[in-house]
Amino acid sequence: MDYKQIKKLMDDMGESKLDSLEIEFPDGIKISMTKNSRKDVQVKAEENAVIAGSAPISVPVVQKETTNSLVVTEPTENFKVVKSPMVGTFYASSAPDKDPFVKVGDKVKKGQVLCIVEAMKLMNEIESEFDGEIVEICVENEEVVEYGKPLFKIK
């Protein structure tokens, strides 16, 4: 069982109505998870368990706290945000040796290419949805972005 599988179990446990779960695999790995009233998820792996032929690992305890409070903040500036329309890799320029499409302070027009998001070996040009000035680039070049992640702030 690898880290991603353990992490998925932890996330699933945190979102479920179960309070505790114990799993013992045929290869000797034992996983025990319990939640308390604060929705903490704890995972314990046996110290001498060998995972998929590798050396023993220690599994960190992940705590998820949920609160029912609502925090409202007033924006100091009125920005329009260009968000990633897909999961992929953000590229600021068309090639590593080329200048970036835009920099902070550049004026942009609606339809102007701002960046490229590569998804499944396809290069997708992301265009500005508004006219304005780039005030912040929210991601680094070659960073993996999720759907809906802010890429640019434009005013």
N, C-alpha and C. Protein backbone atom coordinates (compact mmCIF):
# COMPACT_ATOMS: atom_id res chain seq x y z
N MET A 1 0.86 -1.17 0.00
CA MET A 1 0.00 0.00 0.00
C MET A 1 0.90 1.23 0.00
N ASP A 2 0.71 2.12 -0.94
CA ASP A 2 1.57 3.30 -1.03
C ASP A 2 0.92 4.50 -0.35
N TYR A 3 1.67 5.60 -0.31
CA TYR A 3 1.22 6.82 0.38
C TYR A 3 -0.09 7.34 -0.18
N LYS A 4 -0.25 7.33 -1.51
CA LYS A 4 -1.47 7.86 -2.11
C LYS A 4 -2.69 7.06 -1.68
N GLN A 5 -2.54 5.73 -1.59
CA GLN A 5 -3.65 4.90 -1.17
C GLN A 5 -4.00 5.17 0.30
N ILE A 6 -2.97 5.33 1.13
CA ILE A 6 -3.21 5.64 2.54
C ILE A 6 -3.88 6.99 2.67
N LYS A 7 -3.40 7.98 1.91
CA LYS A 7 -3.98 9.34 1.93
C LYS A 7 -5.45 9.29 1.51
N LYS A 8 -5.77 8.50 0.48
CA LYS A 8 -7.15 8.37 0.02
C LYS A 8 -8.02 7.76 1.12
N LEU A 9 -7.50 6.74 1.79
CA LEU A 9 -8.24 6.14 2.91
C LEU A 9 -8.52 7.18 3.99
N MET A 10 -7.51 7.99 4.30
CA MET A 10 -7.67 9.02 5.33
C MET A 10 -8.73 10.03 4.92
N ASP A 11 -8.68 10.48 3.67
CA ASP A 11 -9.66 11.45 3.19
C ASP A 11 -11.07 10.85 3.20
N ASP A 12 -11.20 9.61 2.74
CA ASP A 12 -12.50 8.96 2.72
C ASP A 12 -13.04 8.79 4.14
N MET A 13 -12.16 8.44 5.07
CA MET A 13 -12.58 8.29 6.46
C MET A 13 -13.04 9.62 7.02
N GLY A 14 -12.32 10.70 6.70
CA GLY A 14 -12.68 12.02 7.20
C GLY A 14 -14.03 12.48 6.70
N GLU A 15 -14.43 12.06 5.52
CA GLU A 15 -15.69 12.48 4.94
C GLU A 15 -16.84 11.52 5.22
N SER A 16 -16.52 10.37 5.81
CA SER A 16 -17.57 9.38 6.07
C SER A 16 -18.19 9.58 7.44
N LYS A 17 -19.25 8.83 7.71
CA LYS A 17 -19.92 8.89 9.00
C LYS A 17 -19.32 7.87 9.98
N LEU A 18 -18.35 7.08 9.52
CA LEU A 18 -17.71 6.10 10.39
C LEU A 18 -16.88 6.79 11.47
N ASP A 19 -16.88 6.22 12.67
CA ASP A 19 -16.06 6.76 13.75
C ASP A 19 -14.72 6.03 13.86
N SER A 20 -14.68 4.77 13.46
CA SER A 20 -13.42 4.03 13.51
C SER A 20 -13.41 2.97 12.42
N LEU A 21 -12.18 2.57 12.07
CA LEU A 21 -11.99 1.58 11.02
C LEU A 21 -10.67 0.87 11.27
N GLU A 22 -10.68 -0.45 11.20
CA GLU A 22 -9.45 -1.24 11.33
C GLU A 22 -9.36 -2.18 10.14
N ILE A 23 -8.20 -2.19 9.51
CA ILE A 23 -7.98 -3.05 8.34
C ILE A 23 -6.69 -3.82 8.57
N GLU A 24 -6.71 -5.14 8.34
CA GLU A 24 -5.50 -5.95 8.41
C GLU A 24 -5.37 -6.67 7.07
N PHE A 25 -4.26 -6.40 6.37
CA PHE A 25 -4.03 -6.97 5.06
C PHE A 25 -3.26 -8.29 5.20
N PRO A 26 -3.40 -9.21 4.22
CA PRO A 26 -2.71 -10.50 4.29
C PRO A 26 -1.19 -10.37 4.40
N ASP A 27 -0.62 -9.28 3.90
CA ASP A 27 0.84 -9.14 3.94
C ASP A 27 1.34 -8.55 5.26
N GLY A 28 0.47 -8.43 6.28
CA GLY A 28 0.89 -8.01 7.60
C GLY A 28 0.69 -6.54 7.92
N ILE A 29 0.26 -5.74 6.97
CA ILE A 29 0.02 -4.32 7.21
C ILE A 29 -1.29 -4.16 7.97
N LYS A 30 -1.23 -3.38 9.05
CA LYS A 30 -2.44 -3.11 9.84
C LYS A 30 -2.66 -1.60 9.85
N ILE A 31 -3.89 -1.20 9.56
CA ILE A 31 -4.25 0.22 9.59
C ILE A 31 -5.45 0.36 10.51
N SER A 32 -5.33 1.29 11.45
CA SER A 32 -6.41 1.57 12.38
C SER A 32 -6.66 3.07 12.35
N MET A 33 -7.89 3.48 12.09
CA MET A 33 -8.23 4.89 12.03
C MET A 33 -9.42 5.15 12.95
N THR A 34 -9.34 6.26 13.71
CA THR A 34 -10.46 6.66 14.55
C THR A 34 -10.66 8.16 14.42
N LYS A 35 -11.90 8.58 14.58
CA LYS A 35 -12.24 10.00 14.56
C LYS A 35 -12.76 10.38 15.92
N ASN A 36 -12.42 11.59 16.36
CA ASN A 36 -13.05 12.08 17.57
C ASN A 36 -14.07 13.14 17.18
N SER A 37 -14.63 13.85 18.13
CA SER A 37 -15.72 14.79 17.84
C SER A 37 -15.28 15.97 16.98
N ARG A 38 -13.96 16.25 16.92
CA ARG A 38 -13.48 17.36 16.10
C ARG A 38 -13.18 16.91 14.67
N LYS A 39 -13.54 15.71 14.31
CA LYS A 39 -13.31 15.15 12.98
C LYS A 39 -11.82 14.95 12.71
N ASP A 40 -11.03 14.63 13.74
CA ASP A 40 -9.62 14.31 13.54
C ASP A 40 -9.53 12.90 12.96
N VAL A 41 -8.61 12.70 12.05
CA VAL A 41 -8.39 11.39 11.48
C VAL A 41 -6.99 10.97 11.86
N GLN A 42 -6.86 9.78 12.46
CA GLN A 42 -5.56 9.30 12.85
C GLN A 42 -5.32 7.96 12.16
N VAL A 43 -4.11 7.79 11.67
CA VAL A 43 -3.75 6.54 11.00
C VAL A 43 -2.52 5.99 11.70
N LYS A 44 -2.58 4.73 12.07
CA LYS A 44 -1.44 4.09 12.70
C LYS A 44 -1.04 2.90 11.84
N ALA A 45 0.22 2.82 11.48
CA ALA A 45 0.74 1.68 10.74
C ALA A 45 1.70 0.94 11.64
N GLU A 46 1.68 -0.39 11.59
CA GLU A 46 2.58 -1.16 12.43
C GLU A 46 4.01 -0.86 12.06
N GLU A 47 4.86 -0.68 13.07
CA GLU A 47 6.24 -0.24 12.90
C GLU A 47 7.05 -1.18 12.01
N ASN A 48 6.84 -2.51 12.14
CA ASN A 48 7.68 -3.45 11.37
C ASN A 48 7.03 -3.90 10.07
N ALA A 49 5.96 -3.26 9.64
CA ALA A 49 5.30 -3.65 8.40
C ALA A 49 6.14 -3.18 7.21
N VAL A 50 6.26 -4.05 6.22
CA VAL A 50 6.98 -3.70 5.00
C VAL A 50 5.96 -3.47 3.91
N ILE A 51 6.07 -2.33 3.26
CA ILE A 51 5.09 -1.95 2.24
C ILE A 51 5.70 -2.17 0.87
N ALA A 52 5.12 -3.08 0.12
CA ALA A 52 5.49 -3.36 -1.27
C ALA A 52 7.00 -3.52 -1.44
N GLY A 53 7.64 -4.26 -0.52
CA GLY A 53 9.06 -4.55 -0.67
C GLY A 53 9.96 -3.39 -0.33
N SER A 54 9.43 -2.31 0.24
CA SER A 54 10.26 -1.16 0.56
C SER A 54 10.60 -1.18 2.04
N ALA A 55 11.39 -0.23 2.47
CA ALA A 55 11.74 -0.09 3.88
C ALA A 55 10.51 0.37 4.65
N PRO A 56 10.49 0.16 5.97
CA PRO A 56 9.36 0.62 6.76
C PRO A 56 9.19 2.13 6.64
N ILE A 57 7.93 2.57 6.67
CA ILE A 57 7.67 4.01 6.61
C ILE A 57 6.87 4.40 7.83
N SER A 58 6.91 5.66 8.14
CA SER A 58 6.04 6.17 9.19
C SER A 58 4.98 7.01 8.52
N VAL A 59 3.76 6.87 8.98
CA VAL A 59 2.64 7.58 8.38
C VAL A 59 2.30 8.77 9.26
N PRO A 60 2.28 9.99 8.71
CA PRO A 60 1.96 11.16 9.53
C PRO A 60 0.50 11.16 9.93
N VAL A 61 0.21 11.79 11.06
CA VAL A 61 -1.17 11.95 11.51
C VAL A 61 -1.70 13.23 10.90
N VAL A 62 -2.83 13.13 10.22
CA VAL A 62 -3.44 14.29 9.58
C VAL A 62 -4.66 14.66 10.38
N GLN A 63 -4.76 15.92 10.73
CA GLN A 63 -5.92 16.38 11.48
C GLN A 63 -6.72 17.33 10.63
N LYS A 64 -8.00 17.04 10.54
CA LYS A 64 -8.91 17.93 9.81
C LYS A 64 -9.85 18.52 10.84
N GLU A 65 -9.86 19.84 10.94
CA GLU A 65 -10.79 20.49 11.84
C GLU A 65 -11.85 21.21 11.03
N THR A 66 -13.07 21.01 11.42
CA THR A 66 -14.15 21.69 10.73
C THR A 66 -14.78 22.68 11.69
N THR A 67 -15.07 23.84 11.18
CA THR A 67 -15.74 24.85 11.99
C THR A 67 -16.96 25.32 11.23
N ASN A 68 -17.91 25.82 11.97
CA ASN A 68 -19.13 26.30 11.34
C ASN A 68 -19.20 27.83 11.34
N SER A 69 -18.06 28.48 11.43
CA SER A 69 -18.07 29.94 11.43
C SER A 69 -17.88 30.46 10.01
N LEU A 70 -18.42 31.61 9.77
CA LEU A 70 -18.33 32.24 8.46
C LEU A 70 -17.52 33.51 8.60
N VAL A 71 -16.45 33.62 7.82
CA VAL A 71 -15.62 34.81 7.87
C VAL A 71 -15.86 35.61 6.60
N VAL A 72 -16.24 36.85 6.77
CA VAL A 72 -16.50 37.72 5.63
C VAL A 72 -15.43 38.80 5.63
N THR A 73 -14.72 38.93 4.52
CA THR A 73 -13.72 39.98 4.41
C THR A 73 -14.10 40.89 3.26
N GLU A 74 -13.89 42.14 3.47
CA GLU A 74 -14.17 43.12 2.42
C GLU A 74 -12.95 43.23 1.52
N PRO A 75 -13.11 43.10 0.21
CA PRO A 75 -11.96 43.25 -0.67
C PRO A 75 -11.48 44.70 -0.68
N THR A 76 -10.15 44.86 -0.64
CA THR A 76 -9.60 46.20 -0.67
C THR A 76 -9.52 46.73 -2.10
N GLU A 77 -9.40 45.85 -3.05
CA GLU A 77 -9.36 46.22 -4.46
C GLU A 77 -10.43 45.41 -5.19
N ASN A 78 -10.87 45.90 -6.32
CA ASN A 78 -11.85 45.20 -7.12
C ASN A 78 -11.14 44.55 -8.30
N PHE A 79 -10.75 43.28 -8.13
CA PHE A 79 -10.03 42.56 -9.17
C PHE A 79 -10.97 41.61 -9.89
N LYS A 80 -10.66 41.37 -11.14
CA LYS A 80 -11.30 40.30 -11.89
C LYS A 80 -10.26 39.19 -11.93
N VAL A 81 -10.68 37.96 -11.74
CA VAL A 81 -9.75 36.84 -11.65
C VAL A 81 -9.93 35.92 -12.85
N VAL A 82 -8.81 35.59 -13.50
CA VAL A 82 -8.81 34.59 -14.56
C VAL A 82 -8.42 33.28 -13.91
N LYS A 83 -9.33 32.30 -13.98
CA LYS A 83 -9.10 31.01 -13.33
C LYS A 83 -8.78 29.94 -14.37
N SER A 84 -8.10 28.90 -13.91
CA SER A 84 -7.75 27.80 -14.80
C SER A 84 -9.01 27.03 -15.18
N PRO A 85 -9.24 26.82 -16.48
CA PRO A 85 -10.42 26.08 -16.90
C PRO A 85 -10.25 24.57 -16.85
N MET A 86 -9.04 24.12 -16.43
CA MET A 86 -8.75 22.69 -16.43
C MET A 86 -7.58 22.38 -15.51
N VAL A 87 -7.37 21.11 -15.27
CA VAL A 87 -6.20 20.64 -14.54
C VAL A 87 -5.07 20.49 -15.55
N GLY A 88 -3.90 20.98 -15.19
CA GLY A 88 -2.77 20.86 -16.11
C GLY A 88 -1.55 21.59 -15.58
N THR A 89 -0.59 21.83 -16.46
CA THR A 89 0.65 22.53 -16.10
C THR A 89 0.63 23.92 -16.71
N PHE A 90 0.89 24.92 -15.88
CA PHE A 90 0.89 26.33 -16.29
C PHE A 90 2.22 26.68 -16.93
N TYR A 91 2.15 27.32 -18.10
CA TYR A 91 3.35 27.83 -18.76
C TYR A 91 3.12 29.30 -19.07
N ALA A 92 4.07 30.15 -18.64
CA ALA A 92 3.95 31.59 -18.84
C ALA A 92 4.33 32.02 -20.25
N SER A 93 5.06 31.16 -20.98
CA SER A 93 5.50 31.50 -22.33
C SER A 93 5.30 30.31 -23.26
N SER A 94 5.45 30.55 -24.55
CA SER A 94 5.23 29.49 -25.54
C SER A 94 6.40 28.51 -25.61
N ALA A 95 7.57 28.91 -25.13
CA ALA A 95 8.75 28.05 -25.11
C ALA A 95 9.66 28.52 -23.98
N PRO A 96 10.51 27.64 -23.46
CA PRO A 96 11.36 28.03 -22.33
C PRO A 96 12.27 29.23 -22.62
N ASP A 97 12.68 29.41 -23.88
CA ASP A 97 13.59 30.50 -24.22
C ASP A 97 12.84 31.76 -24.69
N LYS A 98 11.53 31.75 -24.67
CA LYS A 98 10.72 32.90 -25.10
C LYS A 98 10.31 33.75 -23.91
N ASP A 99 9.97 35.02 -24.18
CA ASP A 99 9.46 35.91 -23.14
C ASP A 99 8.07 35.47 -22.73
N PRO A 100 7.66 35.75 -21.48
CA PRO A 100 6.30 35.40 -21.05
C PRO A 100 5.26 36.17 -21.85
N PHE A 101 4.07 35.59 -21.96
CA PHE A 101 2.98 36.26 -22.68
C PHE A 101 2.66 37.60 -22.04
N VAL A 102 2.57 37.63 -20.70
CA VAL A 102 2.27 38.87 -19.97
C VAL A 102 3.10 38.94 -18.70
N LYS A 103 3.29 40.18 -18.21
CA LYS A 103 3.98 40.43 -16.95
C LYS A 103 3.09 41.33 -16.11
N VAL A 104 3.39 41.42 -14.83
CA VAL A 104 2.64 42.33 -13.95
C VAL A 104 2.81 43.74 -14.48
N GLY A 105 1.70 44.46 -14.59
CA GLY A 105 1.71 45.83 -15.10
C GLY A 105 1.33 45.93 -16.57
N ASP A 106 1.31 44.81 -17.30
CA ASP A 106 0.94 44.83 -18.71
C ASP A 106 -0.56 45.10 -18.86
N LYS A 107 -0.91 45.87 -19.89
CA LYS A 107 -2.30 46.09 -20.25
C LYS A 107 -2.70 44.95 -21.18
N VAL A 108 -3.87 44.36 -20.94
CA VAL A 108 -4.35 43.27 -21.77
C VAL A 108 -5.73 43.58 -22.32
N LYS A 109 -6.05 42.99 -23.44
CA LYS A 109 -7.36 43.12 -24.08
C LYS A 109 -8.08 41.78 -24.00
N LYS A 110 -9.38 41.83 -24.03
CA LYS A 110 -10.19 40.61 -24.05
C LYS A 110 -9.78 39.77 -25.26
N GLY A 111 -9.51 38.48 -25.03
CA GLY A 111 -9.11 37.58 -26.11
C GLY A 111 -7.60 37.44 -26.26
N GLN A 112 -6.83 38.25 -25.56
CA GLN A 112 -5.36 38.17 -25.64
C GLN A 112 -4.88 36.94 -24.87
N VAL A 113 -3.90 36.21 -25.43
CA VAL A 113 -3.36 35.02 -24.78
C VAL A 113 -2.55 35.45 -23.56
N LEU A 114 -2.87 34.84 -22.41
CA LEU A 114 -2.19 35.14 -21.15
C LEU A 114 -1.16 34.07 -20.79
N CYS A 115 -1.47 32.82 -21.11
CA CYS A 115 -0.60 31.71 -20.74
C CYS A 115 -1.04 30.46 -21.50
N ILE A 116 -0.35 29.37 -21.22
CA ILE A 116 -0.72 28.06 -21.76
C ILE A 116 -0.89 27.11 -20.59
N VAL A 117 -1.94 26.29 -20.64
CA VAL A 117 -2.11 25.21 -19.68
C VAL A 117 -2.06 23.91 -20.47
N GLU A 118 -1.04 23.10 -20.16
CA GLU A 118 -0.87 21.82 -20.84
C GLU A 118 -1.68 20.76 -20.10
N ALA A 119 -2.52 20.07 -20.85
CA ALA A 119 -3.32 18.99 -20.28
C ALA A 119 -3.27 17.82 -21.25
N MET A 120 -2.76 16.70 -20.80
CA MET A 120 -2.67 15.48 -21.61
C MET A 120 -1.94 15.74 -22.93
N LYS A 121 -0.83 16.41 -22.85
CA LYS A 121 0.05 16.72 -23.98
C LYS A 121 -0.57 17.69 -24.98
N LEU A 122 -1.69 18.32 -24.63
CA LEU A 122 -2.29 19.34 -25.47
C LEU A 122 -2.02 20.70 -24.86
N MET A 123 -1.54 21.63 -25.67
CA MET A 123 -1.25 22.98 -25.20
C MET A 123 -2.49 23.85 -25.42
N ASN A 124 -3.11 24.30 -24.33
CA ASN A 124 -4.34 25.09 -24.38
C ASN A 124 -4.02 26.54 -24.05
N GLU A 125 -4.23 27.44 -25.02
CA GLU A 125 -3.99 28.86 -24.77
C GLU A 125 -5.14 29.41 -23.93
N ILE A 126 -4.78 30.08 -22.84
CA ILE A 126 -5.78 30.70 -21.97
C ILE A 126 -5.82 32.18 -22.31
N GLU A 127 -6.99 32.65 -22.70
CA GLU A 127 -7.15 34.04 -23.13
C GLU A 127 -7.80 34.87 -22.04
N SER A 128 -7.52 36.16 -22.06
CA SER A 128 -8.11 37.09 -21.11
C SER A 128 -9.60 37.20 -21.36
N GLU A 129 -10.35 37.20 -20.28
CA GLU A 129 -11.80 37.36 -20.39
C GLU A 129 -12.21 38.82 -20.28
N PHE A 130 -11.23 39.69 -19.96
CA PHE A 130 -11.54 41.10 -19.75
C PHE A 130 -10.41 41.98 -20.26
N ASP A 131 -10.72 43.26 -20.45
CA ASP A 131 -9.71 44.28 -20.69
C ASP A 131 -9.22 44.75 -19.32
N GLY A 132 -7.96 45.11 -19.23
CA GLY A 132 -7.46 45.65 -17.96
C GLY A 132 -5.95 45.54 -17.85
N GLU A 133 -5.49 45.61 -16.60
CA GLU A 133 -4.06 45.58 -16.31
C GLU A 133 -3.78 44.39 -15.38
N ILE A 134 -2.72 43.63 -15.69
CA ILE A 134 -2.32 42.50 -14.86
C ILE A 134 -1.74 43.06 -13.55
N VAL A 135 -2.35 42.72 -12.42
CA VAL A 135 -1.84 43.18 -11.13
C VAL A 135 -1.16 42.06 -10.35
N GLU A 136 -1.47 40.80 -10.70
CA GLU A 136 -0.81 39.69 -10.03
C GLU A 136 -0.88 38.45 -10.89
N ILE A 137 0.24 37.73 -10.93
CA ILE A 137 0.28 36.40 -11.53
C ILE A 137 0.32 35.44 -10.34
N CYS A 138 -0.72 34.65 -10.18
CA CYS A 138 -0.94 33.87 -8.96
C CYS A 138 -0.20 32.53 -8.92
N VAL A 139 0.41 32.11 -10.03
CA VAL A 139 1.10 30.82 -10.07
C VAL A 139 2.49 30.99 -10.68
N GLU A 140 3.35 30.03 -10.42
CA GLU A 140 4.70 30.03 -10.96
C GLU A 140 4.72 29.26 -12.28
N ASN A 141 5.71 29.57 -13.12
CA ASN A 141 5.88 28.85 -14.37
C ASN A 141 6.11 27.37 -14.08
N GLU A 142 5.48 26.50 -14.86
CA GLU A 142 5.56 25.04 -14.79
C GLU A 142 4.90 24.48 -13.53
N GLU A 143 4.06 25.27 -12.87
CA GLU A 143 3.32 24.79 -11.70
C GLU A 143 2.09 24.02 -12.16
N VAL A 144 1.77 22.95 -11.45
CA VAL A 144 0.55 22.19 -11.73
C VAL A 144 -0.62 22.97 -11.15
N VAL A 145 -1.65 23.18 -11.96
CA VAL A 145 -2.83 23.93 -11.52
C VAL A 145 -4.06 23.04 -11.55
N GLU A 146 -4.98 23.32 -10.66
CA GLU A 146 -6.25 22.60 -10.58
C GLU A 146 -7.33 23.39 -11.31
N TYR A 147 -8.44 22.75 -11.58
CA TYR A 147 -9.58 23.44 -12.16
C TYR A 147 -10.04 24.53 -11.20
N GLY A 148 -10.22 25.75 -11.70
CA GLY A 148 -10.72 26.86 -10.90
C GLY A 148 -9.65 27.61 -10.12
N LYS A 149 -8.39 27.18 -10.20
CA LYS A 149 -7.33 27.88 -9.47
C LYS A 149 -7.08 29.24 -10.12
N PRO A 150 -7.00 30.30 -9.32
CA PRO A 150 -6.73 31.63 -9.88
C PRO A 150 -5.35 31.67 -10.54
N LEU A 151 -5.31 32.19 -11.77
CA LEU A 151 -4.05 32.32 -12.50
C LEU A 151 -3.58 33.78 -12.52
N PHE A 152 -4.50 34.70 -12.79
CA PHE A 152 -4.18 36.12 -12.92
C PHE A 152 -5.25 36.96 -12.23
N LYS A 153 -4.80 38.10 -11.70
CA LYS A 153 -5.74 39.12 -11.20
C LYS A 153 -5.59 40.32 -12.13
N ILE A 154 -6.72 40.81 -12.60
CA ILE A 154 -6.74 41.93 -13.55
C ILE A 154 -7.63 43.02 -12.98
N LYS A 155 -7.15 44.28 -13.06
CA LYS A 155 -8.03 45.38 -12.64
C LYS A 155 -8.26 46.33 -13.78
